[in-house]
C-alpha atoms as a PDB file:
ATOM      1  CA  MET A   1     -10.802 -11.763  13.997  1.00  0.00           C
ATOM      2  CA  LEU A   2      -8.668 -10.119  11.704  1.00  0.00           C
ATOM      3  CA  PRO A   3     -10.064  -9.958   8.054  1.00  0.00           C
ATOM      4  CA  VAL A   4      -7.329 -10.361   5.535  1.00  0.00           C
ATOM      5  CA  ILE A   5      -8.330 -10.060   1.969  1.00  0.00           C
ATOM      6  CA  TYR A   6      -6.222 -12.435  -0.283  1.00  0.00           C
ATOM      7  CA  THR A   7      -6.802 -15.022  -3.225  1.00  0.00           C
ATOM      8  CA  ASP A   8      -4.388 -17.242  -5.093  1.00  0.00           C
ATOM      9  CA  ARG A   9      -5.617 -15.101  -8.059  1.00  0.00           C
ATOM     10  CA  PHE A  10      -2.961 -12.494  -7.205  1.00  0.00           C
ATOM     11  CA  LEU A  11       0.006 -15.310  -7.877  1.00  0.00           C
ATOM     12  CA  ALA A  12      -1.012 -15.051 -11.545  1.00  0.00           C
ATOM     13  CA  HIS A  13       0.332 -11.746 -12.428  1.00  0.00           C
ATOM     14  CA  GLN A  14       3.663 -13.314 -14.040  1.00  0.00           C
ATOM     15  CA  THR A  15       6.293 -10.456 -14.015  1.00  0.00           C
ATOM     16  CA  GLY A  16       9.446 -12.671 -15.339  1.00  0.00           C
ATOM     17  CA  PHE A  17      12.601 -14.092 -14.730  1.00  0.00           C
ATOM     18  CA  ALA A  18      14.381 -12.264 -11.515  1.00  0.00           C
ATOM     19  CA  HIS A  19      11.740  -9.661 -11.143  1.00  0.00           C
ATOM     20  CA  PRO A  20      11.872  -8.396  -7.639  1.00  0.00           C
ATOM     21  CA  GLU A  21       7.966  -7.857  -7.486  1.00  0.00           C
ATOM     22  CA  ARG A  22       7.405 -11.554  -7.769  1.00  0.00           C
ATOM     23  CA  PRO A  23       4.690 -14.142  -6.990  1.00  0.00           C
ATOM     24  CA  ALA A  24       6.906 -15.669  -4.164  1.00  0.00           C
ATOM     25  CA  ARG A  25       6.190 -12.271  -2.278  1.00  0.00           C
ATOM     26  CA  LEU A  26       2.812 -13.139  -1.363  1.00  0.00           C
ATOM     27  CA  SER A  27       3.266 -16.915  -0.988  1.00  0.00           C
ATOM     28  CA  ALA A  28       6.129 -16.244   1.491  1.00  0.00           C
ATOM     29  CA  VAL A  29       3.705 -13.895   3.165  1.00  0.00           C
ATOM     30  CA  VAL A  30       0.708 -16.004   3.298  1.00  0.00           C
ATOM     31  CA  GLN A  31       2.515 -18.880   4.488  1.00  0.00           C
ATOM     32  CA  ARG A  32       4.190 -17.387   7.488  1.00  0.00           C
ATOM     33  CA  LEU A  33       0.658 -16.089   8.654  1.00  0.00           C
ATOM     34  CA  ARG A  34      -0.807 -19.457   8.201  1.00  0.00           C
ATOM     35  CA  ASN A  35       1.875 -21.075  10.163  1.00  0.00           C
ATOM     36  CA  SER A  36       2.030 -18.749  12.835  1.00  0.00           C
ATOM     37  CA  PRO A  37       0.427 -18.773  16.249  1.00  0.00           C
ATOM     38  CA  VAL A  38      -2.117 -16.339  15.593  1.00  0.00           C
ATOM     39  CA  SER A  39      -3.075 -18.276  12.360  1.00  0.00           C
ATOM     40  CA  LYS A  40      -6.744 -19.117  14.183  1.00  0.00           C
ATOM     41  CA  GLN A  41      -7.316 -15.218  14.769  1.00  0.00           C
ATOM     42  CA  ILE A  42      -7.265 -14.601  10.967  1.00  0.00           C
ATOM     43  CA  ASP A  43     -10.479 -14.315   8.919  1.00  0.00           C
ATOM     44  CA  TRP A  44      -9.236 -14.860   5.200  1.00  0.00           C
ATOM     45  CA  GLN A  45     -11.680 -13.171   3.055  1.00  0.00           C
ATOM     46  CA  GLU A  46     -12.076 -13.292  -1.216  1.00  0.00           C
ATOM     47  CA  PRO A  47     -11.895  -9.911  -2.709  1.00  0.00           C
ATOM     48  CA  TYR A  48     -13.789  -8.592  -5.608  1.00  0.00           C
ATOM     49  CA  ALA A  49     -12.553  -7.066  -8.452  1.00  0.00           C
ATOM     50  CA  ALA A  50     -12.524  -2.982  -9.181  1.00  0.00           C
ATOM     51  CA  THR A  51     -14.889  -2.369 -12.170  1.00  0.00           C
ATOM     52  CA  ARG A  52     -13.865  -0.060 -14.813  1.00  0.00           C
ATOM     53  CA  GLU A  53     -16.107   2.596 -13.647  1.00  0.00           C
ATOM     54  CA  GLN A  54     -14.376   2.623 -10.414  1.00  0.00           C
ATOM     55  CA  LEU A  55     -10.929   2.650 -11.893  1.00  0.00           C
ATOM     56  CA  LEU A  56     -12.185   5.885 -13.728  1.00  0.00           C
ATOM     57  CA  TRP A  57     -12.315   7.523 -10.559  1.00  0.00           C
ATOM     58  CA  ILE A  58      -8.613   8.279 -10.663  1.00  0.00           C
ATOM     59  CA  HIS A  59      -7.493   7.086 -14.156  1.00  0.00           C
ATOM     60  CA  THR A  60      -7.571   7.543 -17.499  1.00  0.00           C
ATOM     61  CA  PRO A  61      -9.289   5.559 -20.230  1.00  0.00           C
ATOM     62  CA  GLN A  62      -5.961   5.354 -21.974  1.00  0.00           C
ATOM     63  CA  LEU A  63      -4.281   4.002 -18.802  1.00  0.00           C
ATOM     64  CA  ILE A  64      -6.948   1.294 -18.345  1.00  0.00           C
ATOM     65  CA  ASP A  65      -7.011   0.321 -22.176  1.00  0.00           C
ATOM     66  CA  SER A  66      -3.019   0.041 -22.378  1.00  0.00           C
ATOM     67  CA  VAL A  67      -3.077  -2.545 -19.688  1.00  0.00           C
ATOM     68  CA  GLU A  68      -6.058  -4.365 -20.936  1.00  0.00           C
ATOM     69  CA  GLN A  69      -5.099  -4.544 -24.462  1.00  0.00           C
ATOM     70  CA  MET A  70      -1.555  -5.327 -23.737  1.00  0.00           C
ATOM     71  CA  ALA A  71      -2.557  -8.455 -21.429  1.00  0.00           C
ATOM     72  CA  SER A  72      -4.853  -9.469 -24.291  1.00  0.00           C
ATOM     73  CA  ARG A  73      -1.589  -9.309 -26.491  1.00  0.00           C
ATOM     74  CA  GLY A  74       0.068 -11.630 -24.167  1.00  0.00           C
ATOM     75  CA  GLY A  75       1.755  -9.135 -22.217  1.00  0.00           C
ATOM     76  CA  GLY A  76       4.846  -6.878 -22.746  1.00  0.00           C
ATOM     77  CA  MET A  77       6.528  -4.039 -20.911  1.00  0.00           C
ATOM     78  CA  LEU A  78       4.889  -0.551 -19.992  1.00  0.00           C
ATOM     79  CA  ASP A  79       8.079   0.505 -18.713  1.00  0.00           C
ATOM     80  CA  ALA A  80      11.542  -0.637 -18.021  1.00  0.00           C
ATOM     81  CA  ASP A  81      10.511  -1.804 -14.704  1.00  0.00           C
ATOM     82  CA  THR A  82       6.769  -2.646 -15.317  1.00  0.00           C
ATOM     83  CA  PRO A  83       5.346  -5.954 -16.716  1.00  0.00           C
ATOM     84  CA  VAL A  84       2.333  -6.877 -17.841  1.00  0.00           C
ATOM     85  CA  GLY A  85       1.485 -10.580 -18.456  1.00  0.00           C
ATOM     86  CA  PRO A  86      -1.246 -12.451 -20.104  1.00  0.00           C
ATOM     87  CA  GLU A  87      -3.645 -12.202 -16.840  1.00  0.00           C
ATOM     88  CA  SER A  88      -2.246  -8.911 -15.052  1.00  0.00           C
ATOM     89  CA  PHE A  89      -5.125  -6.922 -16.121  1.00  0.00           C
ATOM     90  CA  GLU A  90      -7.688  -9.123 -14.401  1.00  0.00           C
ATOM     91  CA  VAL A  91      -5.154  -9.521 -11.440  1.00  0.00           C
ATOM     92  CA  ALA A  92      -4.784  -5.827 -11.147  1.00  0.00           C
ATOM     93  CA  CYS A  93      -8.722  -5.155 -11.000  1.00  0.00           C
ATOM     94  CA  LEU A  94      -8.619  -7.656  -8.304  1.00  0.00           C
ATOM     95  CA  ALA A  95      -5.866  -6.308  -6.698  1.00  0.00           C
ATOM     96  CA  ALA A  96      -7.663  -2.791  -6.645  1.00  0.00           C
ATOM     97  CA  GLY A  97     -10.898  -4.365  -5.730  1.00  0.00           C
ATOM     98  CA  SER A  98      -9.397  -5.751  -2.723  1.00  0.00           C
ATOM     99  CA  TRP A  99      -8.264  -2.926  -1.243  1.00  0.00           C
ATOM    100  CA  LEU A 100     -12.114  -1.633  -1.525  1.00  0.00           C
ATOM    101  CA  ALA A 101     -13.199  -4.829   0.033  1.00  0.00           C
ATOM    102  CA  GLY A 102     -10.788  -3.649   2.898  1.00  0.00           C
ATOM    103  CA  VAL A 103     -12.441  -0.500   3.224  1.00  0.00           C
ATOM    104  CA  ASP A 104     -15.772  -2.058   3.390  1.00  0.00           C
ATOM    105  CA  ALA A 105     -14.339  -4.473   6.118  1.00  0.00           C
ATOM    106  CA  VAL A 106     -12.864  -1.769   8.443  1.00  0.00           C
ATOM    107  CA  LEU A 107     -16.196   0.571   7.998  1.00  0.00           C
ATOM    108  CA  GLU A 108     -18.412  -2.593   8.746  1.00  0.00           C
ATOM    109  CA  ARG A 109     -16.388  -3.793  11.822  1.00  0.00           C
ATOM    110  CA  GLY A 110     -14.675  -0.444  13.113  1.00  0.00           C
ATOM    111  CA  ARG A 111     -11.484  -2.086  13.367  1.00  0.00           C
ATOM    112  CA  PRO A 112      -8.442  -3.046  11.297  1.00  0.00           C
ATOM    113  CA  ALA A 113      -8.340  -5.225   8.010  1.00  0.00           C
ATOM    114  CA  TRP A 114      -5.395  -6.022   5.908  1.00  0.00           C
ATOM    115  CA  VAL A 115      -5.068  -6.546   2.521  1.00  0.00           C
ATOM    116  CA  VAL A 116      -2.392  -8.884   1.257  1.00  0.00           C
ATOM    117  CA  ALA A 117      -2.174  -8.240  -2.807  1.00  0.00           C
ATOM    118  CA  ARG A 118      -0.123  -7.597  -5.444  1.00  0.00           C
ATOM    119  CA  PRO A 119       0.734  -5.840  -8.085  1.00  0.00           C
ATOM    120  CA  PRO A 120       1.482  -3.186  -5.822  1.00  0.00           C
ATOM    121  CA  GLY A 121      -0.102   0.430  -6.647  1.00  0.00           C
ATOM    122  CA  HIS A 122       1.418   3.779  -5.100  1.00  0.00           C
ATOM    123  CA  HIS A 123       3.791   4.798  -8.179  1.00  0.00           C
ATOM    124  CA  ALA A 124       0.517   4.440 -10.612  1.00  0.00           C
ATOM    125  CA  GLU A 125      -0.360   7.754 -11.531  1.00  0.00           C
ATOM    126  CA  ARG A 126      -3.532   9.042 -13.436  1.00  0.00           C
ATOM    127  CA  ASN A 127      -2.542   8.076 -16.882  1.00  0.00           C
ATOM    128  CA  ARG A 128       1.053   6.239 -16.192  1.00  0.00           C
ATOM    129  CA  ALA A 129       1.677   2.649 -14.691  1.00  0.00           C
ATOM    130  CA  MET A 130       5.253   2.518 -13.626  1.00  0.00           C
ATOM    131  CA  GLY A 131       7.501   1.111 -10.489  1.00  0.00           C
ATOM    132  CA  PHE A 132       6.042  -2.478 -10.746  1.00  0.00           C
ATOM    133  CA  CYS A 133       2.410  -0.728 -10.294  1.00  0.00           C
ATOM    134  CA  LEU A 134      -0.475  -0.916 -12.591  1.00  0.00           C
ATOM    135  CA  PHE A 135      -3.503   0.642 -10.597  1.00  0.00           C
ATOM    136  CA  SER A 136      -3.147   3.108  -7.926  1.00  0.00           C
ATOM    137  CA  ASN A 137      -4.763   0.888  -5.122  1.00  0.00           C
ATOM    138  CA  ALA A 138      -4.217   3.216  -2.053  1.00  0.00           C
ATOM    139  CA  ALA A 139      -5.892   6.118  -3.922  1.00  0.00           C
ATOM    140  CA  LEU A 140      -8.737   4.233  -5.011  1.00  0.00           C
ATOM    141  CA  ALA A 141      -9.454   3.240  -1.714  1.00  0.00           C
ATOM    142  CA  ALA A 142      -9.747   6.581  -0.381  1.00  0.00           C
ATOM    143  CA  TYR A 143     -12.181   7.901  -3.063  1.00  0.00           C
ATOM    144  CA  TYR A 144     -14.130   4.550  -2.576  1.00  0.00           C
ATOM    145  CA  ALA A 145     -14.280   5.901   1.261  1.00  0.00           C
ATOM    146  CA  LEU A 146     -15.409   9.326   0.408  1.00  0.00           C
ATOM    147  CA  ASN A 147     -18.031   7.821  -2.034  1.00  0.00           C
ATOM    148  CA  LYS A 148     -19.209   5.810   0.870  1.00  0.00           C
ATOM    149  CA  GLY A 149     -19.690   9.119   2.733  1.00  0.00           C
ATOM    150  CA  LEU A 150     -16.701   9.852   4.948  1.00  0.00           C
ATOM    151  CA  SER A 151     -15.369  13.290   4.697  1.00  0.00           C
ATOM    152  CA  ARG A 152     -12.004  12.797   5.644  1.00  0.00           C
ATOM    153  CA  VAL A 153      -9.124  10.156   4.804  1.00  0.00           C
ATOM    154  CA  ALA A 154      -5.569  10.118   4.956  1.00  0.00           C
ATOM    155  CA  VAL A 155      -3.385   7.797   3.223  1.00  0.00           C
ATOM    156  CA  LEU A 156       0.121   6.951   5.279  1.00  0.00           C
ATOM    157  CA  ASP A 157       2.767   5.691   3.056  1.00  0.00           C
ATOM    158  CA  TRP A 158       5.740   3.856   4.697  1.00  0.00           C
ATOM    159  CA  ASP A 159       7.010   2.161   1.923  1.00  0.00           C
ATOM    160  CA  VAL A 160      10.846   3.040   0.995  1.00  0.00           C
ATOM    161  CA  HIS A 161       9.777   4.747  -2.366  1.00  0.00           C
ATOM    162  CA  HIS A 162       7.869   7.672  -2.550  1.00  0.00           C
ATOM    163  CA  GLY A 163       4.288   7.037  -3.530  1.00  0.00           C
ATOM    164  CA  ASN A 164       4.207   9.602  -6.487  1.00  0.00           C
ATOM    165  CA  GLY A 165       0.959   8.364  -7.903  1.00  0.00           C
ATOM    166  CA  THR A 166      -0.931   8.368  -4.544  1.00  0.00           C
ATOM    167  CA  GLN A 167       0.418  11.973  -3.929  1.00  0.00           C
ATOM    168  CA  GLN A 168      -1.080  12.983  -7.595  1.00  0.00           C
ATOM    169  CA  LEU A 169      -4.272  11.696  -7.070  1.00  0.00           C
ATOM    170  CA  CYS A 170      -4.656  13.291  -3.477  1.00  0.00           C
ATOM    171  CA  TRP A 171      -2.938  16.654  -4.403  1.00  0.00           C
ATOM    172  CA  ASP A 172      -6.132  18.379  -5.173  1.00  0.00           C
ATOM    173  CA  ASP A 173      -8.594  17.215  -2.847  1.00  0.00           C
ATOM    174  CA  PRO A 174      -8.990  18.568   0.337  1.00  0.00           C
ATOM    175  CA  ARG A 175     -10.871  15.644   1.806  1.00  0.00           C
ATOM    176  CA  LEU A 176      -7.608  13.680   1.475  1.00  0.00           C
ATOM    177  CA  ALA A 177      -4.552  13.679   3.148  1.00  0.00           C
ATOM    178  CA  TYR A 178      -0.945  11.994   2.104  1.00  0.00           C
ATOM    179  CA  VAL A 179       1.951  11.215   4.147  1.00  0.00           C
ATOM    180  CA  SER A 180       4.858   9.607   3.080  1.00  0.00           C
ATOM    181  CA  LEU A 181       8.143   8.513   4.834  1.00  0.00           C
ATOM    182  CA  HIS A 182      10.695   7.475   2.268  1.00  0.00           C
ATOM    183  CA  GLN A 183      14.726   7.194   1.498  1.00  0.00           C
ATOM    184  CA  PHE A 184      15.316  10.317  -0.580  1.00  0.00           C
ATOM    185  CA  PRO A 185      17.185  10.879  -2.954  1.00  0.00           C
ATOM    186  CA  HIS A 186      15.692   7.434  -4.221  1.00  0.00           C
ATOM    187  CA  TYR A 187      13.291   6.089  -6.989  1.00  0.00           C
ATOM    188  CA  PRO A 188      11.192   7.852  -8.501  1.00  0.00           C
ATOM    189  CA  GLY A 189      12.925  11.126  -7.374  1.00  0.00           C
ATOM    190  CA  THR A 190       9.850  12.669  -5.946  1.00  0.00           C
ATOM    191  CA  GLY A 191       8.763  13.290  -2.433  1.00  0.00           C
ATOM    192  CA  SER A 192      10.840  16.626  -1.214  1.00  0.00           C
ATOM    193  CA  ALA A 193       9.513  18.316   1.886  1.00  0.00           C
ATOM    194  CA  GLY A 194       8.406  21.212  -0.339  1.00  0.00           C
ATOM    195  CA  GLU A 195       5.740  19.113  -2.112  1.00  0.00           C
ATOM    196  CA  THR A 196       2.694  20.050   0.231  1.00  0.00           C
ATOM    197  CA  GLY A 197      -0.441  19.756  -2.008  1.00  0.00           C
ATOM    198  CA  ALA A 198      -3.039  22.134  -3.094  1.00  0.00           C
ATOM    199  CA  HIS A 199      -4.559  22.387   0.105  1.00  0.00           C
ATOM    200  CA  GLY A 200      -1.553  21.887   2.368  1.00  0.00           C
ATOM    201  CA  ASN A 201      -2.862  18.026   2.440  1.00  0.00           C
ATOM    202  CA  VAL A 202       0.273  16.396   1.671  1.00  0.00           C
ATOM    203  CA  CYS A 203       3.367  15.899   3.786  1.00  0.00           C
ATOM    204  CA  ASN A 204       6.364  14.204   2.686  1.00  0.00           C
ATOM    205  CA  VAL A 205       9.051  13.144   5.247  1.00  0.00           C
ATOM    206  CA  PRO A 206      12.249  12.484   3.197  1.00  0.00           C
ATOM    207  CA  LEU A 207      14.779  10.485   5.362  1.00  0.00           C
ATOM    208  CA  GLU A 208      18.779   9.817   4.488  1.00  0.00           C
ATOM    209  CA  SER A 209      19.923   6.323   3.256  1.00  0.00           C
ATOM    210  CA  GLY A 210      20.721   4.288   6.654  1.00  0.00           C
ATOM    211  CA  SER A 211      18.009   5.491   8.768  1.00  0.00           C
ATOM    212  CA  ASP A 212      16.984   2.984  11.283  1.00  0.00           C
ATOM    213  CA  GLY A 213      13.821   2.557  13.809  1.00  0.00           C
ATOM    214  CA  THR A 214      15.006   5.620  16.020  1.00  0.00           C
ATOM    215  CA  VAL A 215      14.930   7.885  13.180  1.00  0.00           C
ATOM    216  CA  TYR A 216      11.536   6.713  11.889  1.00  0.00           C
ATOM    217  CA  ARG A 217       9.892   7.273  15.322  1.00  0.00           C
ATOM    218  CA  GLU A 218      11.220  10.416  15.775  1.00  0.00           C
ATOM    219  CA  ALA A 219       9.816  11.415  12.205  1.00  0.00           C
ATOM    220  CA  PHE A 220       6.432   9.854  13.281  1.00  0.00           C
ATOM    221  CA  LYS A 221       6.612  11.922  16.719  1.00  0.00           C
ATOM    222  CA  GLN A 222       8.048  15.478  15.609  1.00  0.00           C
ATOM    223  CA  THR A 223       6.104  15.589  11.835  1.00  0.00           C
ATOM    224  CA  VAL A 224       3.859  12.493  10.821  1.00  0.00           C
ATOM    225  CA  TRP A 225       1.382  12.399  13.840  1.00  0.00           C
ATOM    226  CA  PRO A 226       1.119  15.987  14.333  1.00  0.00           C
ATOM    227  CA  PHE A 227      -0.032  16.495  10.579  1.00  0.00           C
ATOM    228  CA  ILE A 228      -2.650  13.544  10.944  1.00  0.00           C
ATOM    229  CA  ASP A 229      -3.975  14.607  14.439  1.00  0.00           C
ATOM    230  CA  ARG A 230      -4.596  18.018  12.689  1.00  0.00           C
ATOM    231  CA  PHE A 231      -6.262  16.572   9.706  1.00  0.00           C
ATOM    232  CA  SER A 232      -8.636  13.906  11.956  1.00  0.00           C
ATOM    233  CA  PRO A 233      -9.167  11.473   9.229  1.00  0.00           C
ATOM    234  CA  GLU A 234     -12.179   9.276   9.551  1.00  0.00           C
ATOM    235  CA  LEU A 235     -10.200   6.415   8.141  1.00  0.00           C
ATOM    236  CA  LEU A 236      -6.276   5.777   7.871  1.00  0.00           C
ATOM    237  CA  ILE A 237      -5.159   3.952   4.909  1.00  0.00           C
ATOM    238  CA  VAL A 238      -1.706   2.697   5.102  1.00  0.00           C
ATOM    239  CA  SER A 239       0.476   1.831   1.989  1.00  0.00           C
ATOM    240  CA  ALA A 240       2.502  -0.764   3.913  1.00  0.00           C
ATOM    241  CA  GLY A 241       5.439  -1.482   1.850  1.00  0.00           C
ATOM    242  CA  PHE A 242       8.387  -3.347   3.635  1.00  0.00           C
ATOM    243  CA  ASP A 243      11.168  -2.211   1.753  1.00  0.00           C
ATOM    244  CA  ALA A 244      12.918  -0.230   4.401  1.00  0.00           C
ATOM    245  CA  ASN A 245      13.839  -3.569   6.153  1.00  0.00           C
ATOM    246  CA  ARG A 246      17.786  -3.510   6.465  1.00  0.00           C
ATOM    247  CA  ASP A 247      18.014  -6.912   4.453  1.00  0.00           C
ATOM    248  CA  ASP A 248      15.745  -5.240   1.428  1.00  0.00           C
ATOM    249  CA  PRO A 249      17.718  -5.475  -2.039  1.00  0.00           C
ATOM    250  CA  LEU A 250      16.001  -2.305  -3.387  1.00  0.00           C
ATOM    251  CA  SER A 251      16.892   0.020  -0.586  1.00  0.00           C
ATOM    252  CA  GLU A 252      19.113   1.239   2.017  1.00  0.00           C
ATOM    253  CA  MET A 253      17.381   1.977   4.890  1.00  0.00           C
ATOM    254  CA  GLY A 254      17.746   0.245   8.674  1.00  0.00           C
ATOM    255  CA  LEU A 255      14.543  -0.942   9.790  1.00  0.00           C
ATOM    256  CA  VAL A 256      13.773  -4.462  11.149  1.00  0.00           C
ATOM    257  CA  PRO A 257      10.271  -6.063  11.372  1.00  0.00           C
ATOM    258  CA  GLY A 258       9.789  -5.216  14.680  1.00  0.00           C
ATOM    259  CA  ASP A 259       9.608  -1.875  13.729  1.00  0.00           C
ATOM    260  CA  TYR A 260       6.991  -2.014  11.780  1.00  0.00           C
ATOM    261  CA  GLY A 261       4.857  -3.573  14.295  1.00  0.00           C
ATOM    262  CA  ASP A 262       5.709  -0.441  16.496  1.00  0.00           C
ATOM    263  CA  PHE A 263       4.652   1.648  13.791  1.00  0.00           C
ATOM    264  CA  ALA A 264       1.306   0.014  13.570  1.00  0.00           C
ATOM    265  CA  HIS A 265       0.392  -0.020  17.397  1.00  0.00           C
ATOM    266  CA  GLN A 266       1.160   3.752  16.816  1.00  0.00           C
ATOM    267  CA  CYS A 267      -1.726   3.898  14.119  1.00  0.00           C
ATOM    268  CA  LEU A 268      -3.937   1.916  16.112  1.00  0.00           C
ATOM    269  CA  ALA A 269      -3.547   4.185  18.954  1.00  0.00           C
ATOM    270  CA  ARG A 270      -5.051   6.688  17.124  1.00  0.00           C
ATOM    271  CA  THR A 271      -7.940   4.908  15.607  1.00  0.00           C
ATOM    272  CA  PRO A 272      -8.842   1.450  15.082  1.00  0.00           C
ATOM    273  CA  ARG A 273     -10.420   2.397  11.851  1.00  0.00           C
ATOM    274  CA  VAL A 274      -7.044   1.499   9.687  1.00  0.00           C
ATOM    275  CA  LEU A 275      -6.779  -0.727   6.353  1.00  0.00           C
ATOM    276  CA  PHE A 276      -3.209  -2.040   5.998  1.00  0.00           C
ATOM    277  CA  GLY A 277      -2.354  -2.804   2.340  1.00  0.00           C
ATOM    278  CA  LEU A 278       0.808  -4.431   0.903  1.00  0.00           C
ATOM    279  CA  GLU A 279       2.947  -2.374  -1.266  1.00  0.00           C
ATOM    280  CA  GLY A 280       6.852  -3.121  -1.746  1.00  0.00           C
ATOM    281  CA  GLY A 281       9.203  -5.681   0.074  1.00  0.00           C
ATOM    282  CA  TYR A 282      11.379  -7.839  -1.828  1.00  0.00           C
ATOM    283  CA  ASP A 283      13.504 -10.065   0.822  1.00  0.00           C
ATOM    284  CA  LEU A 284      11.306 -12.361   1.449  1.00  0.00           C
ATOM    285  CA  ASP A 285      11.985 -13.549   5.010  1.00  0.00           C
ATOM    286  CA  SER A 286      12.045  -9.626   6.312  1.00  0.00           C
ATOM    287  CA  LEU A 287       8.847  -9.068   4.238  1.00  0.00           C
ATOM    288  CA  ALA A 288       6.959 -12.127   5.768  1.00  0.00           C
ATOM    289  CA  ASP A 289       7.942 -11.429   9.461  1.00  0.00           C
ATOM    290  CA  SER A 290       7.063  -7.573   8.930  1.00  0.00           C
ATOM    291  CA  VAL A 291       3.799  -8.275   7.780  1.00  0.00           C
ATOM    292  CA  LEU A 292       3.230 -10.653  10.641  1.00  0.00           C
ATOM    293  CA  ALA A 293       4.445  -8.023  13.204  1.00  0.00           C
ATOM    294  CA  VAL A 294       1.885  -5.797  11.815  1.00  0.00           C
ATOM    295  CA  VAL A 295      -1.364  -8.423  11.788  1.00  0.00           C
ATOM    296  CA  GLU A 296       0.100  -9.227  15.394  1.00  0.00           C
ATOM    297  CA  ALA A 297      -0.373  -5.440  16.327  1.00  0.00           C
ATOM    298  CA  CYS A 298      -3.914  -5.421  14.619  1.00  0.00           C
ATOM    299  CA  LEU A 299      -5.020  -8.211  16.938  1.00  0.00           C
ATOM    300  CA  THR A 300      -4.498  -6.366  19.931  1.00  0.00           C
ATOM    301  CA  VAL A 301      -7.567  -4.627  18.796  1.00  0.00           C
ATOM    302  CA  SER A 302      -9.174  -7.132  16.818  1.00  0.00           C
ATOM    303  CA  ALA A 303      -9.883 -10.023  19.066  1.00  0.00           C
END
């Protein structure tokens, strides 16, 4: 059985008409998983909310308060891309906590787990919510794992956009490694190969628009896996964005769902202790198909 952390409460984060980060993203994923041939091998689990004390590991009180207060006033815009609705603070805490529950599941079983949550997180910086993201879920999960006694945790980010927030929050800690493959130049403008972390613990792999699975696989072989293997993490957290699909409206890359299944197999060949957590992906069909491909890969070690 594969643990998948999810709750319908994630749908209550309202982003407004025509916003690409919409509740339908999760509905499409959940429907595809529940209607798939592997549905009986999925163990659906409820998340718990991250506490304020846990959020303070990575975020300033000012950021946490700004999200909470805007939600309590009925919502608004934190920036041009990042809306807050009346229930967004509660949902964002629950989303962050779902990644912590995912860490629990991986460490308890020694096998992979999945987090299907929103809002996403990898653009949220220490004192700034941006890029559809309120709190930095993957970074919080990494610090949670350290606080549970691990000494080395790696975050692999294959979302089409560079995870500036995760990078910032991992930058100064030699116990954390951050690796990102992303379209470049592209939003948010960070992620050049020269950004390497305070301890050589950051590896950015900028890719040209139009890059397909062949390009990605070569990047994994030549750069990503040598870097991760040298770091030798005790837990691998994957910021699993699926917006590098060729059908995605927010990028110009050439991946197909099967490519993501292959990436997942590569992760799991190195360690079964992998947490996959949803980031971007805005074409509903390719998003749902890609998540299913990764779930199927996880089930090869979770049965």
